[in-house]
PDB file of N, CA and C in Angstrom:
ATOM      1  N   UNK A   1      37.091  13.463  -3.025  1.00  0.00           N
ATOM      2  CA  UNK A   1      36.106  12.940  -2.596  1.00  0.00           C
ATOM      3  C   UNK A   1      34.786  12.516  -3.653  1.00  0.00           C
ATOM      4  N   UNK A   2      34.193  13.698  -4.174  1.00  0.00           N
ATOM      5  CA  UNK A   2      33.427  13.244  -4.793  1.00  0.00           C
ATOM      6  C   UNK A   2      32.876  12.117  -5.565  1.00  0.00           C
ATOM      7  N   UNK A   3      34.075  12.653  -6.001  1.00  0.00           N
ATOM      8  CA  UNK A   3      34.000  11.368  -6.987  1.00  0.00           C
ATOM      9  C   UNK A   3      33.493  10.054  -6.799  1.00  0.00           C
ATOM     10  N   UNK A   4      34.664   9.203  -5.597  1.00  0.00           N
ATOM     11  CA  UNK A   4      34.743   8.242  -4.951  1.00  0.00           C
ATOM     12  C   UNK A   4      33.252   7.877  -4.399  1.00  0.00           C
ATOM     13  N   UNK A   5      32.306   8.962  -3.697  1.00  0.00           N
ATOM     14  CA  UNK A   5      31.187   8.548  -3.021  1.00  0.00           C
ATOM     15  C   UNK A   5      30.172   8.364  -4.334  1.00  0.00           C
ATOM     16  N   UNK A   6      30.399   9.372  -5.879  1.00  0.00           N
ATOM     17  CA  UNK A   6      29.579   9.000  -7.194  1.00  0.00           C
ATOM     18  C   UNK A   6      29.920   7.268  -7.064  1.00  0.00           C
ATOM     19  N   UNK A   7      31.271   6.881  -7.551  1.00  0.00           N
ATOM     20  CA  UNK A   7      31.203   5.547  -7.685  1.00  0.00           C
ATOM     21  C   UNK A   7      30.707   5.021  -6.429  1.00  0.00           C
ATOM     22  N   UNK A   8      30.566   4.791  -5.381  1.00  0.00           N
ATOM     23  CA  UNK A   8      30.331   3.936  -4.443  1.00  0.00           C
ATOM     24  C   UNK A   8      28.317   4.322  -4.527  1.00  0.00           C
ATOM     25  N   UNK A   9      27.885   4.980  -4.821  1.00  0.00           N
ATOM     26  CA  UNK A   9      26.578   4.911  -5.313  1.00  0.00           C
ATOM     27  C   UNK A   9      26.130   4.352  -6.518  1.00  0.00           C
ATOM     28  N   UNK A  10      27.202   4.481  -7.592  1.00  0.00           N
ATOM     29  CA  UNK A  10      26.827   4.326  -8.717  1.00  0.00           C
ATOM     30  C   UNK A  10      27.056   2.671  -8.575  1.00  0.00           C
ATOM     31  N   UNK A  11      27.753   1.956  -7.693  1.00  0.00           N
ATOM     32  CA  UNK A  11      28.262   0.591  -7.890  1.00  0.00           C
ATOM     33  C   UNK A  11      26.814  -0.228  -7.218  1.00  0.00           C
ATOM     34  N   UNK A  12      27.007   0.603  -5.523  1.00  0.00           N
ATOM     35  CA  UNK A  12      25.109   0.504  -4.942  1.00  0.00           C
ATOM     36  C   UNK A  12      24.030  -0.367  -6.092  1.00  0.00           C
ATOM     37  N   UNK A  13      23.976   1.239  -6.842  1.00  0.00           N
ATOM     38  CA  UNK A  13      22.663   1.240  -7.799  1.00  0.00           C
ATOM     39  C   UNK A  13      23.028   0.063  -8.844  1.00  0.00           C
ATOM     40  N   UNK A  14      23.583  -0.440  -9.025  1.00  0.00           N
ATOM     41  CA  UNK A  14      24.378  -1.142  -9.852  1.00  0.00           C
ATOM     42  C   UNK A  14      24.264  -2.806  -9.455  1.00  0.00           C
ATOM     43  N   UNK A  15      24.567  -2.983  -8.031  1.00  0.00           N
ATOM     44  CA  UNK A  15      24.000  -3.763  -7.130  1.00  0.00           C
ATOM     45  C   UNK A  15      22.397  -4.187  -7.177  1.00  0.00           C
ATOM     46  N   UNK A  16      22.191  -3.201  -6.816  1.00  0.00           N
ATOM     47  CA  UNK A  16      20.368  -3.228  -6.740  1.00  0.00           C
ATOM     48  C   UNK A  16      19.740  -3.504  -7.647  1.00  0.00           C
ATOM     49  N   UNK A  17      20.176  -3.339  -8.914  1.00  0.00           N
ATOM     50  CA  UNK A  17      19.284  -3.390 -10.041  1.00  0.00           C
ATOM     51  C   UNK A  17      19.363  -4.611 -10.369  1.00  0.00           C
ATOM     52  N   UNK A  18      20.313  -5.974 -10.214  1.00  0.00           N
ATOM     53  CA  UNK A  18      20.882  -6.672 -10.441  1.00  0.00           C
ATOM     54  C   UNK A  18      20.121  -7.717  -9.920  1.00  0.00           C
ATOM     55  N   UNK A  19      19.936  -7.170  -7.892  1.00  0.00           N
ATOM     56  CA  UNK A  19      19.470  -7.970  -7.646  1.00  0.00           C
ATOM     57  C   UNK A  19      17.896  -7.955  -7.684  1.00  0.00           C
ATOM     58  N   UNK A  20      17.591  -6.871  -8.220  1.00  0.00           N
ATOM     59  CA  UNK A  20      16.242  -7.109  -8.579  1.00  0.00           C
ATOM     60  C   UNK A  20      15.594  -7.748  -9.926  1.00  0.00           C
ATOM     61  N   UNK A  21      16.849  -7.815 -10.540  1.00  0.00           N
ATOM     62  CA  UNK A  21      16.524  -8.819 -11.717  1.00  0.00           C
ATOM     63  C   UNK A  21      16.147 -10.680 -11.162  1.00  0.00           C
ATOM     64  N   UNK A  22      17.174 -10.696 -10.208  1.00  0.00           N
ATOM     65  CA  UNK A  22      17.318 -11.689  -9.684  1.00  0.00           C
ATOM     66  C   UNK A  22      15.558 -12.390  -8.921  1.00  0.00           C
ATOM     67  N   UNK A  23      15.557 -11.017  -8.481  1.00  0.00           N
ATOM     68  CA  UNK A  23      14.298 -11.250  -8.255  1.00  0.00           C
ATOM     69  C   UNK A  23      12.924 -11.596  -8.216  1.00  0.00           C
ATOM     70  N   UNK A  24      13.066 -10.938  -9.869  1.00  0.00           N
ATOM     71  CA  UNK A  24      11.968 -11.350 -10.610  1.00  0.00           C
ATOM     72  C   UNK A  24      12.228 -12.150 -11.734  1.00  0.00           C
ATOM     73  N   UNK A  25      13.474 -12.960 -11.916  1.00  0.00           N
ATOM     74  CA  UNK A  25      13.460 -14.238 -12.852  1.00  0.00           C
ATOM     75  C   UNK A  25      13.079 -15.339 -11.181  1.00  0.00           C
ATOM     76  N   UNK A  26      13.427 -15.051  -9.763  1.00  0.00           N
ATOM     77  CA  UNK A  26      12.966 -16.156  -8.886  1.00  0.00           C
ATOM     78  C   UNK A  26      11.344 -16.095  -8.988  1.00  0.00           C
ATOM     79  N   UNK A  27      10.697 -14.369  -8.544  1.00  0.00           N
ATOM     80  CA  UNK A  27       9.237 -14.984  -8.359  1.00  0.00           C
ATOM     81  C   UNK A  27       8.636 -15.499 -10.206  1.00  0.00           C
ATOM     82  N   UNK A  28       9.351 -15.140 -11.289  1.00  0.00           N
ATOM     83  CA  UNK A  28       8.403 -15.883 -12.201  1.00  0.00           C
ATOM     84  C   UNK A  28       8.702 -16.502 -12.494  1.00  0.00           C
ATOM     85  N   UNK A  29       9.540 -17.524 -11.755  1.00  0.00           N
ATOM     86  CA  UNK A  29      10.038 -19.003 -11.940  1.00  0.00           C
ATOM     87  C   UNK A  29       9.629 -19.865 -11.073  1.00  0.00           C
ATOM     88  N   UNK A  30       8.797 -19.196 -10.115  1.00  0.00           N
ATOM     89  CA  UNK A  30       7.196 -19.842  -9.115  1.00  0.00           C
ATOM     90  C   UNK A  30       6.192 -19.968  -9.944  1.00  0.00           C
ATOM     91  N   UNK A  31       6.284 -20.058 -10.786  1.00  0.00           N
ATOM     92  CA  UNK A  31       4.750 -20.236 -12.143  1.00  0.00           C
ATOM     93  C   UNK A  31       5.010 -21.567 -12.685  1.00  0.00           C
ATOM     94  N   UNK A  32       6.224 -21.898 -12.712  1.00  0.00           N
ATOM     95  CA  UNK A  32       6.153 -23.273 -13.144  1.00  0.00           C
ATOM     96  C   UNK A  32       6.467 -24.414 -12.598  1.00  0.00           C
ATOM     97  N   UNK A  33       6.139 -25.244 -12.271  1.00  0.00           N
ATOM     98  CA  UNK A  33       5.628 -26.075 -10.711  1.00  0.00           C
ATOM     99  C   UNK A  33       6.824 -26.863 -11.248  1.00  0.00           C
ATOM    100  N   UNK A  34       7.518 -27.649 -12.502  1.00  0.00           N
ATOM    101  CA  UNK A  34       8.495 -28.619 -12.949  1.00  0.00           C
ATOM    102  C   UNK A  34      10.071 -28.064 -12.423  1.00  0.00           C
ATOM    103  N   UNK A  35      10.349 -27.064 -11.835  1.00  0.00           N
ATOM    104  CA  UNK A  35      11.261 -26.528 -11.944  1.00  0.00           C
ATOM    105  C   UNK A  35      12.328 -27.437 -10.326  1.00  0.00           C
ATOM    106  N   UNK A  36      12.968 -27.704 -11.063  1.00  0.00           N
ATOM    107  CA  UNK A  36      13.913 -28.236  -9.730  1.00  0.00           C
ATOM    108  C   UNK A  36      14.365 -27.614  -8.714  1.00  0.00           C
ATOM    109  N   UNK A  37      14.142 -26.847  -7.632  1.00  0.00           N
ATOM    110  CA  UNK A  37      14.835 -26.283  -7.447  1.00  0.00           C
ATOM    111  C   UNK A  37      16.351 -26.666  -6.575  1.00  0.00           C
ATOM    112  N   UNK A  38      16.503 -27.921  -6.604  1.00  0.00           N
ATOM    113  CA  UNK A  38      17.590 -28.211  -5.805  1.00  0.00           C
ATOM    114  C   UNK A  38      18.947 -28.673  -7.138  1.00  0.00           C
ATOM    115  N   UNK A  39      18.505 -27.964  -8.000  1.00  0.00           N
ATOM    116  CA  UNK A  39      19.711 -28.659  -9.213  1.00  0.00           C
ATOM    117  C   UNK A  39      19.929 -26.454  -9.357  1.00  0.00           C
ATOM    118  N   UNK A  40      20.712 -26.648 -10.223  1.00  0.00           N
ATOM    119  CA  UNK A  40      21.861 -25.816 -11.048  1.00  0.00           C
ATOM    120  C   UNK A  40      21.508 -25.134 -11.500  1.00  0.00           C
ATOM    121  N   UNK A  41      20.991 -23.760 -11.920  1.00  0.00           N
ATOM    122  CA  UNK A  41      21.359 -22.701 -11.348  1.00  0.00           C
ATOM    123  C   UNK A  41      20.297 -22.158 -10.480  1.00  0.00           C
ATOM    124  N   UNK A  42      19.186 -23.253 -10.485  1.00  0.00           N
ATOM    125  CA  UNK A  42      18.110 -22.378  -9.451  1.00  0.00           C
ATOM    126  C   UNK A  42      18.644 -22.678  -8.027  1.00  0.00           C
ATOM    127  N   UNK A  43      19.239 -23.626  -7.435  1.00  0.00           N
ATOM    128  CA  UNK A  43      19.550 -23.533  -6.315  1.00  0.00           C
ATOM    129  C   UNK A  43      20.480 -22.785  -5.896  1.00  0.00           C
ATOM    130  N   UNK A  44      21.281 -21.817  -6.308  1.00  0.00           N
ATOM    131  CA  UNK A  44      22.317 -20.679  -6.218  1.00  0.00           C
ATOM    132  C   UNK A  44      20.898 -19.092  -6.257  1.00  0.00           C
ATOM    133  N   UNK A  45      20.253 -19.435  -7.141  1.00  0.00           N
ATOM    134  CA  UNK A  45      19.129 -18.211  -7.344  1.00  0.00           C
ATOM    135  C   UNK A  45      18.576 -18.503  -6.145  1.00  0.00           C
ATOM    136  N   UNK A  46      17.803 -19.304  -5.772  1.00  0.00           N
ATOM    137  CA  UNK A  46      16.321 -19.115  -4.228  1.00  0.00           C
ATOM    138  C   UNK A  46      17.797 -18.880  -3.125  1.00  0.00           C
ATOM    139  N   UNK A  47      19.014 -19.654  -3.032  1.00  0.00           N
ATOM    140  CA  UNK A  47      20.408 -19.196  -1.771  1.00  0.00           C
ATOM    141  C   UNK A  47      20.513 -17.779  -1.876  1.00  0.00           C
ATOM    142  N   UNK A  48      19.925 -16.891  -2.848  1.00  0.00           N
ATOM    143  CA  UNK A  48      20.488 -15.625  -2.748  1.00  0.00           C
ATOM    144  C   UNK A  48      19.038 -14.542  -2.918  1.00  0.00           C
ATOM    145  N   UNK A  49      18.130 -15.066  -3.336  1.00  0.00           N
ATOM    146  CA  UNK A  49      17.116 -14.706  -2.740  1.00  0.00           C
ATOM    147  C   UNK A  49      15.683 -14.453  -1.996  1.00  0.00           C
ATOM    148  N   UNK A  50      16.048 -16.169  -1.261  1.00  0.00           N
ATOM    149  CA  UNK A  50      15.097 -16.716  -0.786  1.00  0.00           C
ATOM    150  C   UNK A  50      15.182 -15.744   0.602  1.00  0.00           C
ATOM    151  N   UNK A  51      15.848 -15.342   1.111  1.00  0.00           N
ATOM    152  CA  UNK A  51      16.362 -14.909   2.254  1.00  0.00           C
ATOM    153  C   UNK A  51      15.689 -13.446   2.564  1.00  0.00           C
ATOM    154  N   UNK A  52      16.141 -12.398   1.325  1.00  0.00           N
ATOM    155  CA  UNK A  52      15.580 -11.260   1.305  1.00  0.00           C
ATOM    156  C   UNK A  52      14.001 -11.250   1.075  1.00  0.00           C
ATOM    157  N   UNK A  53      13.042 -12.623   0.802  1.00  0.00           N
ATOM    158  CA  UNK A  53      11.865 -12.408   0.579  1.00  0.00           C
ATOM    159  C   UNK A  53      11.177 -13.679   1.439  1.00  0.00           C
ATOM    160  N   UNK A  54      12.111 -13.777   2.756  1.00  0.00           N
ATOM    161  CA  UNK A  54      11.318 -14.965   3.685  1.00  0.00           C
ATOM    162  C   UNK A  54      10.918 -12.810   4.516  1.00  0.00           C
ATOM    163  N   UNK A  55      11.375 -12.087   4.652  1.00  0.00           N
ATOM    164  CA  UNK A  55      11.168 -10.619   4.912  1.00  0.00           C
ATOM    165  C   UNK A  55       9.767 -10.906   5.272  1.00  0.00           C
ATOM    166  N   UNK A  56       9.154 -10.897   3.941  1.00  0.00           N
ATOM    167  CA  UNK A  56       8.387 -10.321   4.036  1.00  0.00           C
ATOM    168  C   UNK A  56       6.593 -11.297   3.506  1.00  0.00           C
ATOM    169  N   UNK A  57       6.735 -12.503   3.669  1.00  0.00           N
ATOM    170  CA  UNK A  57       6.510 -14.124   3.953  1.00  0.00           C
ATOM    171  C   UNK A  57       4.853 -13.665   4.681  1.00  0.00           C
ATOM    172  N   UNK A  58       5.406 -13.257   6.326  1.00  0.00           N
ATOM    173  CA  UNK A  58       4.460 -13.267   7.114  1.00  0.00           C
ATOM    174  C   UNK A  58       3.325 -12.184   6.982  1.00  0.00           C
ATOM    175  N   UNK A  59       3.668 -11.092   6.270  1.00  0.00           N
ATOM    176  CA  UNK A  59       3.067  -9.393   6.079  1.00  0.00           C
ATOM    177  C   UNK A  59       1.881  -9.725   5.433  1.00  0.00           C
ATOM    178  N   UNK A  60       1.701 -10.184   4.557  1.00  0.00           N
ATOM    179  CA  UNK A  60       0.535 -10.416   3.409  1.00  0.00           C
ATOM    180  C   UNK A  60      -0.270 -11.588   3.400  1.00  0.00           C
ATOM    181  N   UNK A  61      -1.107 -11.877   3.776  1.00  0.00           N
ATOM    182  CA  UNK A  61      -1.960 -13.634   4.154  1.00  0.00           C
ATOM    183  C   UNK A  61      -2.059 -13.414   2.142  1.00  0.00           C
ATOM    184  N   UNK A  62      -1.597 -14.931   1.559  1.00  0.00           N
ATOM    185  CA  UNK A  62      -2.261 -15.315   0.614  1.00  0.00           C
ATOM    186  C   UNK A  62      -3.375 -15.237  -0.130  1.00  0.00           C
ATOM    187  N   UNK A  63      -3.566 -14.447  -1.333  1.00  0.00           N
ATOM    188  CA  UNK A  63      -4.904 -14.026  -1.554  1.00  0.00           C
ATOM    189  C   UNK A  63      -5.056 -15.034  -3.205  1.00  0.00           C
ATOM    190  N   UNK A  64      -6.411 -15.761  -2.612  1.00  0.00           N
ATOM    191  CA  UNK A  64      -7.018 -17.045  -3.213  1.00  0.00           C
ATOM    192  C   UNK A  64      -5.661 -17.836  -3.920  1.00  0.00           C
ATOM    193  N   UNK A  65      -5.228 -18.075  -2.487  1.00  0.00           N
ATOM    194  CA  UNK A  65      -3.618 -19.319  -2.325  1.00  0.00           C
ATOM    195  C   UNK A  65      -2.913 -18.543  -3.198  1.00  0.00           C
ATOM    196  N   UNK A  66      -2.519 -17.638  -4.128  1.00  0.00           N
ATOM    197  CA  UNK A  66      -1.278 -17.155  -4.568  1.00  0.00           C
ATOM    198  C   UNK A  66      -0.824 -15.615  -3.399  1.00  0.00           C
ATOM    199  N   UNK A  67       0.796 -15.864  -3.268  1.00  0.00           N
ATOM    200  CA  UNK A  67       1.388 -15.471  -1.901  1.00  0.00           C
ATOM    201  C   UNK A  67       2.045 -13.766  -2.848  1.00  0.00           C
ATOM    202  N   UNK A  68       1.422 -12.734  -2.642  1.00  0.00           N
ATOM    203  CA  UNK A  68       1.552 -11.640  -2.925  1.00  0.00           C
ATOM    204  C   UNK A  68       2.644 -10.943  -2.258  1.00  0.00           C
ATOM    205  N   UNK A  69       2.857 -11.630  -1.090  1.00  0.00           N
ATOM    206  CA  UNK A  69       3.949 -10.332  -0.592  1.00  0.00           C
ATOM    207  C   UNK A  69       5.968 -10.412  -1.708  1.00  0.00           C
ATOM    208  N   UNK A  70       5.691 -10.808  -2.306  1.00  0.00           N
ATOM    209  CA  UNK A  70       7.331 -10.415  -3.488  1.00  0.00           C
ATOM    210  C   UNK A  70       7.270  -8.961  -3.734  1.00  0.00           C
ATOM    211  N   UNK A  71       5.450  -8.283  -3.908  1.00  0.00           N
ATOM    212  CA  UNK A  71       5.375  -7.347  -4.069  1.00  0.00           C
ATOM    213  C   UNK A  71       5.791  -5.928  -3.131  1.00  0.00           C
ATOM    214  N   UNK A  72       5.671  -6.487  -1.823  1.00  0.00           N
ATOM    215  CA  UNK A  72       6.459  -5.937  -0.733  1.00  0.00           C
ATOM    216  C   UNK A  72       7.847  -5.838  -1.021  1.00  0.00           C
ATOM    217  N   UNK A  73       8.121  -6.315  -1.552  1.00  0.00           N
ATOM    218  CA  UNK A  73      10.438  -6.512  -1.645  1.00  0.00           C
ATOM    219  C   UNK A  73      10.433  -5.860  -2.966  1.00  0.00           C
ATOM    220  N   UNK A  74       9.211  -5.984  -3.817  1.00  0.00           N
ATOM    221  CA  UNK A  74       9.836  -4.878  -5.247  1.00  0.00           C
ATOM    222  C   UNK A  74      10.000  -3.680  -4.427  1.00  0.00           C
ATOM    223  N   UNK A  75       8.848  -3.995  -3.840  1.00  0.00           N
ATOM    224  CA  UNK A  75       8.680  -2.445  -4.016  1.00  0.00           C
ATOM    225  C   UNK A  75       9.271  -1.658  -2.823  1.00  0.00           C
ATOM    226  N   UNK A  76      10.053  -2.278  -1.473  1.00  0.00           N
ATOM    227  CA  UNK A  76      11.176  -2.053  -0.660  1.00  0.00           C
ATOM    228  C   UNK A  76      12.270  -1.308  -1.493  1.00  0.00           C
ATOM    229  N   UNK A  77      12.174  -2.526  -2.277  1.00  0.00           N
ATOM    230  CA  UNK A  77      13.727  -2.902  -3.600  1.00  0.00           C
ATOM    231  C   UNK A  77      13.465  -1.069  -3.849  1.00  0.00           C
ATOM    232  N   UNK A  78      12.687  -0.992  -5.068  1.00  0.00           N
ATOM    233  CA  UNK A  78      12.510  -0.139  -5.218  1.00  0.00           C
ATOM    234  C   UNK A  78      12.848   1.724  -4.916  1.00  0.00           C
ATOM    235  N   UNK A  79      12.190   1.609  -3.645  1.00  0.00           N
ATOM    236  CA  UNK A  79      11.822   2.686  -2.662  1.00  0.00           C
ATOM    237  C   UNK A  79      14.091   3.369  -2.339  1.00  0.00           C
ATOM    238  N   UNK A  80      14.666   1.689  -1.852  1.00  0.00           N
ATOM    239  CA  UNK A  80      16.200   2.640  -1.954  1.00  0.00           C
ATOM    240  C   UNK A  80      16.645   2.434  -2.849  1.00  0.00           C
ATOM    241  N   UNK A  81      16.458   2.096  -3.772  1.00  0.00           N
ATOM    242  CA  UNK A  81      17.374   2.199  -5.417  1.00  0.00           C
ATOM    243  C   UNK A  81      17.002   4.288  -5.538  1.00  0.00           C
ATOM    244  N   UNK A  82      15.582   4.750  -5.675  1.00  0.00           N
ATOM    245  CA  UNK A  82      15.322   5.834  -5.455  1.00  0.00           C
ATOM    246  C   UNK A  82      15.922   6.894  -4.642  1.00  0.00           C
ATOM    247  N   UNK A  83      15.696   6.490  -3.400  1.00  0.00           N
ATOM    248  CA  UNK A  83      16.559   7.002  -2.179  1.00  0.00           C
ATOM    249  C   UNK A  83      18.196   7.053  -2.962  1.00  0.00           C
ATOM    250  N   UNK A  84      18.700   5.646  -3.091  1.00  0.00           N
ATOM    251  CA  UNK A  84      20.417   5.739  -3.321  1.00  0.00           C
ATOM    252  C   UNK A  84      20.360   6.599  -4.562  1.00  0.00           C
ATOM    253  N   UNK A  85      19.976   6.323  -5.129  1.00  0.00           N
ATOM    254  CA  UNK A  85      20.379   7.284  -6.826  1.00  0.00           C
ATOM    255  C   UNK A  85      19.822   8.934  -6.312  1.00  0.00           C
ATOM    256  N   UNK A  86      18.365   9.443  -5.691  1.00  0.00           N
ATOM    257  CA  UNK A  86      18.644  10.621  -4.987  1.00  0.00           C
ATOM    258  C   UNK A  86      20.077  11.313  -3.930  1.00  0.00           C
ATOM    259  N   UNK A  87      20.522  10.802  -3.542  1.00  0.00           N
ATOM    260  CA  UNK A  87      21.742  10.340  -2.818  1.00  0.00           C
ATOM    261  C   UNK A  87      22.630  11.225  -3.711  1.00  0.00           C
ATOM    262  N   UNK A  88      23.074  10.030  -4.198  1.00  0.00           N
ATOM    263  CA  UNK A  88      23.919  10.103  -5.586  1.00  0.00           C
ATOM    264  C   UNK A  88      23.841  11.072  -6.820  1.00  0.00           C
ATOM    265  N   UNK A  89      23.019  11.818  -6.680  1.00  0.00           N
ATOM    266  CA  UNK A  89      23.255  12.286  -7.516  1.00  0.00           C
ATOM    267  C   UNK A  89      22.878  13.964  -6.568  1.00  0.00           C
ATOM    268  N   UNK A  90      23.259  13.913  -4.912  1.00  0.00           N
ATOM    269  CA  UNK A  90      22.903  15.059  -4.550  1.00  0.00           C
ATOM    270  C   UNK A  90      24.171  15.237  -4.219  1.00  0.00           C
ATOM    271  N   UNK A  91      25.405  14.792  -4.524  1.00  0.00           N
ATOM    272  CA  UNK A  91      27.074  14.574  -4.087  1.00  0.00           C
ATOM    273  C   UNK A  91      27.729  14.910  -5.195  1.00  0.00           C
ATOM    274  N   UNK A  92      26.965  15.379  -6.361  1.00  0.00           N
ATOM    275  CA  UNK A  92      27.627  15.655  -7.570  1.00  0.00           C
ATOM    276  C   UNK A  92      27.909  17.590  -7.549  1.00  0.00           C
TER     277      UNK A  92
END
């Protein structure tokens, strides 16, 4: 049973790490105004990451025209990863 829980938590952490990288790429690409978000692979990237980022858009107002709400998304994702890592370590 412990091996299956370890596998479950390590798989979950792997998914979250990949998703964090996708979020980082998505936020980094917003600095380039000529990116066509309706062409591939950018359309798929925005379809994967925008629902998560939309949760934080109204919480923090833009500062000097820059949307800093993705920072909350990164912080929440890092906290979830840390909690899952600690739970996964305690099951061993």
